[in-house]
N, C-alpha and C. Protein backbone atom coordinates (compact mmCIF):
# COMPACT_ATOMS: atom_id res chain seq x y z
N THR A 1 7.17 27.93 6.61
CA THR A 1 6.06 28.45 7.38
C THR A 1 5.33 29.51 6.57
N GLY A 2 4.07 29.33 6.37
CA GLY A 2 3.27 30.28 5.64
C GLY A 2 3.45 30.24 4.14
N LYS A 3 4.13 29.22 3.61
CA LYS A 3 4.36 29.13 2.16
C LYS A 3 3.59 27.95 1.59
N THR A 4 3.17 28.09 0.35
CA THR A 4 2.46 27.03 -0.34
C THR A 4 3.39 26.42 -1.37
N GLY A 5 3.34 25.11 -1.52
CA GLY A 5 4.19 24.44 -2.49
C GLY A 5 3.70 23.03 -2.74
N PHE A 6 4.54 22.25 -3.38
CA PHE A 6 4.20 20.88 -3.73
C PHE A 6 5.19 19.93 -3.07
N VAL A 7 4.71 18.73 -2.76
CA VAL A 7 5.58 17.70 -2.19
C VAL A 7 5.20 16.37 -2.84
N SER A 8 6.19 15.56 -3.11
CA SER A 8 5.94 14.24 -3.68
C SER A 8 5.17 13.39 -2.68
N THR A 9 4.26 12.57 -3.18
CA THR A 9 3.51 11.67 -2.30
C THR A 9 4.41 10.64 -1.63
N HIS A 10 5.64 10.49 -2.13
CA HIS A 10 6.59 9.56 -1.51
C HIS A 10 6.96 10.00 -0.10
N TYR A 11 6.81 11.29 0.20
CA TYR A 11 7.24 11.82 1.49
C TYR A 11 6.08 12.05 2.46
N ILE A 12 4.88 11.72 2.05
CA ILE A 12 3.71 11.92 2.90
C ILE A 12 3.44 10.63 3.67
N VAL A 13 3.30 10.74 4.97
CA VAL A 13 3.00 9.57 5.80
C VAL A 13 1.49 9.37 5.80
N LYS A 14 1.07 8.20 5.43
CA LYS A 14 -0.36 7.89 5.37
C LYS A 14 -0.80 7.19 6.65
N GLU A 15 -2.09 7.21 6.88
CA GLU A 15 -2.65 6.50 8.02
C GLU A 15 -2.72 5.01 7.71
N ALA A 16 -2.86 4.21 8.74
CA ALA A 16 -2.99 2.77 8.56
C ALA A 16 -4.23 2.47 7.73
N THR A 17 -4.17 1.40 6.97
CA THR A 17 -5.29 0.99 6.15
C THR A 17 -5.65 -0.44 6.49
N THR A 18 -6.78 -0.86 5.99
CA THR A 18 -7.22 -2.24 6.21
C THR A 18 -7.82 -2.76 4.91
N GLY A 19 -7.79 -4.05 4.71
CA GLY A 19 -8.38 -4.63 3.51
C GLY A 19 -9.89 -4.46 3.49
N LYS A 20 -10.45 -4.05 2.36
CA LYS A 20 -11.90 -3.88 2.27
C LYS A 20 -12.53 -4.92 1.36
N ASN A 21 -11.71 -5.69 0.76
CA ASN A 21 -12.10 -6.67 -0.21
C ASN A 21 -13.09 -7.67 0.40
N GLN A 22 -14.02 -8.13 -0.38
CA GLN A 22 -15.03 -9.06 0.12
C GLN A 22 -14.52 -10.50 0.21
N ARG A 23 -13.36 -10.77 -0.42
CA ARG A 23 -12.79 -12.11 -0.32
C ARG A 23 -12.29 -12.35 1.10
N ALA A 24 -12.12 -13.60 1.44
CA ALA A 24 -11.65 -13.95 2.78
C ALA A 24 -10.19 -13.55 2.97
N LYS A 25 -9.40 -13.59 1.90
CA LYS A 25 -7.97 -13.25 1.99
C LYS A 25 -7.58 -12.29 0.88
N THR A 26 -6.60 -11.44 1.15
CA THR A 26 -6.04 -10.53 0.17
C THR A 26 -4.58 -10.91 -0.01
N LYS A 27 -4.13 -11.02 -1.25
CA LYS A 27 -2.75 -11.41 -1.51
C LYS A 27 -1.81 -10.21 -1.46
N VAL A 28 -0.63 -10.44 -0.91
CA VAL A 28 0.44 -9.44 -0.87
C VAL A 28 1.56 -9.98 -1.75
N PHE A 29 2.11 -9.12 -2.62
CA PHE A 29 3.09 -9.55 -3.60
C PHE A 29 4.46 -8.95 -3.36
N THR A 30 5.49 -9.63 -3.86
CA THR A 30 6.85 -9.10 -3.86
C THR A 30 7.02 -8.23 -5.10
N GLU A 31 8.18 -7.60 -5.25
CA GLU A 31 8.47 -6.76 -6.42
C GLU A 31 8.30 -7.54 -7.72
N LYS A 32 8.61 -8.82 -7.73
CA LYS A 32 8.54 -9.64 -8.94
C LYS A 32 7.17 -10.29 -9.12
N GLN A 33 6.18 -9.84 -8.38
CA GLN A 33 4.80 -10.31 -8.45
C GLN A 33 4.61 -11.74 -7.97
N ALA A 34 5.54 -12.24 -7.19
CA ALA A 34 5.35 -13.55 -6.56
C ALA A 34 4.51 -13.33 -5.30
N VAL A 35 3.60 -14.24 -5.01
CA VAL A 35 2.77 -14.10 -3.82
C VAL A 35 3.65 -14.27 -2.59
N LYS A 36 3.62 -13.28 -1.72
CA LYS A 36 4.43 -13.30 -0.50
C LYS A 36 3.60 -13.76 0.69
N ALA A 37 2.35 -13.35 0.75
CA ALA A 37 1.49 -13.70 1.88
C ALA A 37 0.04 -13.51 1.49
N SER A 38 -0.83 -14.10 2.25
CA SER A 38 -2.27 -13.87 2.11
C SER A 38 -2.76 -13.35 3.45
N LEU A 39 -3.37 -12.17 3.42
CA LEU A 39 -3.85 -11.54 4.65
C LEU A 39 -5.34 -11.76 4.78
N ALA A 40 -5.78 -12.04 5.96
CA ALA A 40 -7.21 -12.20 6.23
C ALA A 40 -7.92 -10.87 6.05
N LYS A 41 -9.19 -10.93 5.70
CA LYS A 41 -10.02 -9.74 5.55
C LYS A 41 -9.95 -8.91 6.83
N ASN A 42 -9.89 -7.59 6.68
CA ASN A 42 -9.82 -6.62 7.78
C ASN A 42 -8.51 -6.63 8.55
N THR A 43 -7.45 -7.18 7.95
CA THR A 43 -6.12 -7.10 8.55
C THR A 43 -5.60 -5.69 8.37
N SER A 44 -5.11 -5.07 9.43
CA SER A 44 -4.55 -3.72 9.34
C SER A 44 -3.12 -3.78 8.83
N VAL A 45 -2.78 -2.86 7.93
CA VAL A 45 -1.43 -2.73 7.39
C VAL A 45 -1.06 -1.25 7.44
N SER A 46 0.22 -0.96 7.37
CA SER A 46 0.69 0.43 7.32
C SER A 46 1.14 0.75 5.91
N PHE A 47 0.66 1.86 5.38
CA PHE A 47 1.01 2.31 4.04
C PHE A 47 2.42 2.90 4.07
N LEU A 48 3.30 2.41 3.20
CA LEU A 48 4.67 2.91 3.13
C LEU A 48 4.94 3.76 1.90
N GLY A 49 4.15 3.57 0.85
CA GLY A 49 4.37 4.34 -0.38
C GLY A 49 3.74 3.64 -1.56
N TRP A 50 3.97 4.21 -2.74
CA TRP A 50 3.40 3.66 -3.98
C TRP A 50 4.44 2.83 -4.71
N LYS A 51 4.00 1.92 -5.54
CA LYS A 51 4.89 1.12 -6.38
C LYS A 51 5.42 2.02 -7.49
N LYS A 52 6.68 1.89 -7.80
CA LYS A 52 7.29 2.66 -8.88
C LYS A 52 7.25 1.84 -10.17
N THR A 53 7.06 2.53 -11.29
CA THR A 53 7.06 1.86 -12.58
C THR A 53 8.50 1.72 -13.07
N ALA A 54 8.68 0.92 -14.11
CA ALA A 54 10.02 0.71 -14.68
C ALA A 54 10.60 2.03 -15.19
N GLY A 55 9.75 2.95 -15.62
CA GLY A 55 10.20 4.24 -16.14
C GLY A 55 10.42 5.29 -15.06
N GLY A 56 10.26 4.92 -13.80
CA GLY A 56 10.49 5.86 -12.70
C GLY A 56 9.25 6.61 -12.25
N GLY A 57 8.10 6.30 -12.85
CA GLY A 57 6.85 6.94 -12.45
C GLY A 57 6.24 6.22 -11.25
N ILE A 58 5.00 6.55 -10.96
CA ILE A 58 4.30 5.97 -9.81
C ILE A 58 3.11 5.17 -10.31
N ASP A 59 2.96 3.96 -9.81
CA ASP A 59 1.82 3.11 -10.12
C ASP A 59 0.86 3.17 -8.93
N PHE A 60 -0.19 3.99 -9.05
CA PHE A 60 -1.14 4.17 -7.96
C PHE A 60 -2.06 2.96 -7.77
N GLY A 61 -1.92 1.95 -8.60
CA GLY A 61 -2.72 0.74 -8.46
C GLY A 61 -2.17 -0.22 -7.41
N TRP A 62 -0.92 0.03 -6.97
CA TRP A 62 -0.27 -0.83 -5.99
C TRP A 62 0.33 -0.01 -4.88
N ALA A 63 0.15 -0.45 -3.65
CA ALA A 63 0.71 0.24 -2.49
C ALA A 63 1.72 -0.68 -1.80
N LEU A 64 2.84 -0.10 -1.37
CA LEU A 64 3.81 -0.82 -0.56
C LEU A 64 3.33 -0.72 0.88
N VAL A 65 3.15 -1.86 1.53
CA VAL A 65 2.62 -1.88 2.89
C VAL A 65 3.51 -2.70 3.81
N ASP A 66 3.39 -2.40 5.10
CA ASP A 66 4.05 -3.18 6.15
C ASP A 66 2.95 -3.92 6.90
N TYR A 67 3.15 -5.18 7.14
CA TYR A 67 2.19 -5.96 7.91
C TYR A 67 2.97 -6.86 8.86
N GLY A 68 3.01 -6.47 10.12
CA GLY A 68 3.71 -7.24 11.14
C GLY A 68 5.21 -7.32 10.95
N GLY A 69 5.82 -6.26 10.43
CA GLY A 69 7.26 -6.24 10.24
C GLY A 69 7.72 -6.72 8.87
N ALA A 70 6.83 -7.25 8.06
CA ALA A 70 7.15 -7.67 6.69
C ALA A 70 6.58 -6.64 5.72
N THR A 71 7.15 -6.53 4.54
CA THR A 71 6.65 -5.58 3.55
C THR A 71 6.31 -6.29 2.26
N GLY A 72 5.39 -5.70 1.51
CA GLY A 72 5.01 -6.23 0.21
C GLY A 72 4.04 -5.28 -0.45
N TYR A 73 3.64 -5.60 -1.67
CA TYR A 73 2.71 -4.77 -2.44
C TYR A 73 1.32 -5.37 -2.39
N ILE A 74 0.32 -4.50 -2.27
CA ILE A 74 -1.07 -4.93 -2.25
C ILE A 74 -1.85 -4.01 -3.19
N SER A 75 -2.81 -4.57 -3.89
CA SER A 75 -3.62 -3.78 -4.80
C SER A 75 -4.38 -2.71 -4.02
N THR A 76 -4.38 -1.47 -4.51
CA THR A 76 -5.05 -0.40 -3.79
C THR A 76 -6.57 -0.60 -3.75
N LYS A 77 -7.11 -1.37 -4.68
CA LYS A 77 -8.56 -1.62 -4.62
C LYS A 77 -8.92 -2.53 -3.45
N ASP A 78 -7.91 -3.17 -2.85
CA ASP A 78 -8.16 -4.02 -1.69
C ASP A 78 -7.90 -3.31 -0.37
N LEU A 79 -7.67 -2.00 -0.42
CA LEU A 79 -7.38 -1.23 0.79
C LEU A 79 -8.47 -0.20 1.06
N GLN A 80 -8.64 0.13 2.31
CA GLN A 80 -9.49 1.27 2.67
C GLN A 80 -8.85 1.97 3.86
N LYS A 81 -9.02 3.26 3.91
CA LYS A 81 -8.47 4.06 5.00
C LYS A 81 -9.28 3.84 6.27
N LEU A 82 -8.58 3.68 7.39
CA LEU A 82 -9.28 3.55 8.67
C LEU A 82 -9.86 4.90 9.08
N THR A 83 -11.04 4.87 9.66
CA THR A 83 -11.64 6.13 10.10
C THR A 83 -11.60 6.25 11.59
């Protein structure tokens, strides 16, 4: 309380997002980059965190999302924050 500090983005809960991509469908991938699902444009998903790199860093180009109880990675350029 009343202190300033830093926190990893892994612990921050984000708001729901939706696909902004102009394509009809956005692909969701597994950890091994296999296509897991194709989501229709404007499908709402919940942001769970960022993809980790092999070296333990964070890949901000990919977001781990939940969509209807399933999880997968989606390109961040295909997401937009709901307002």
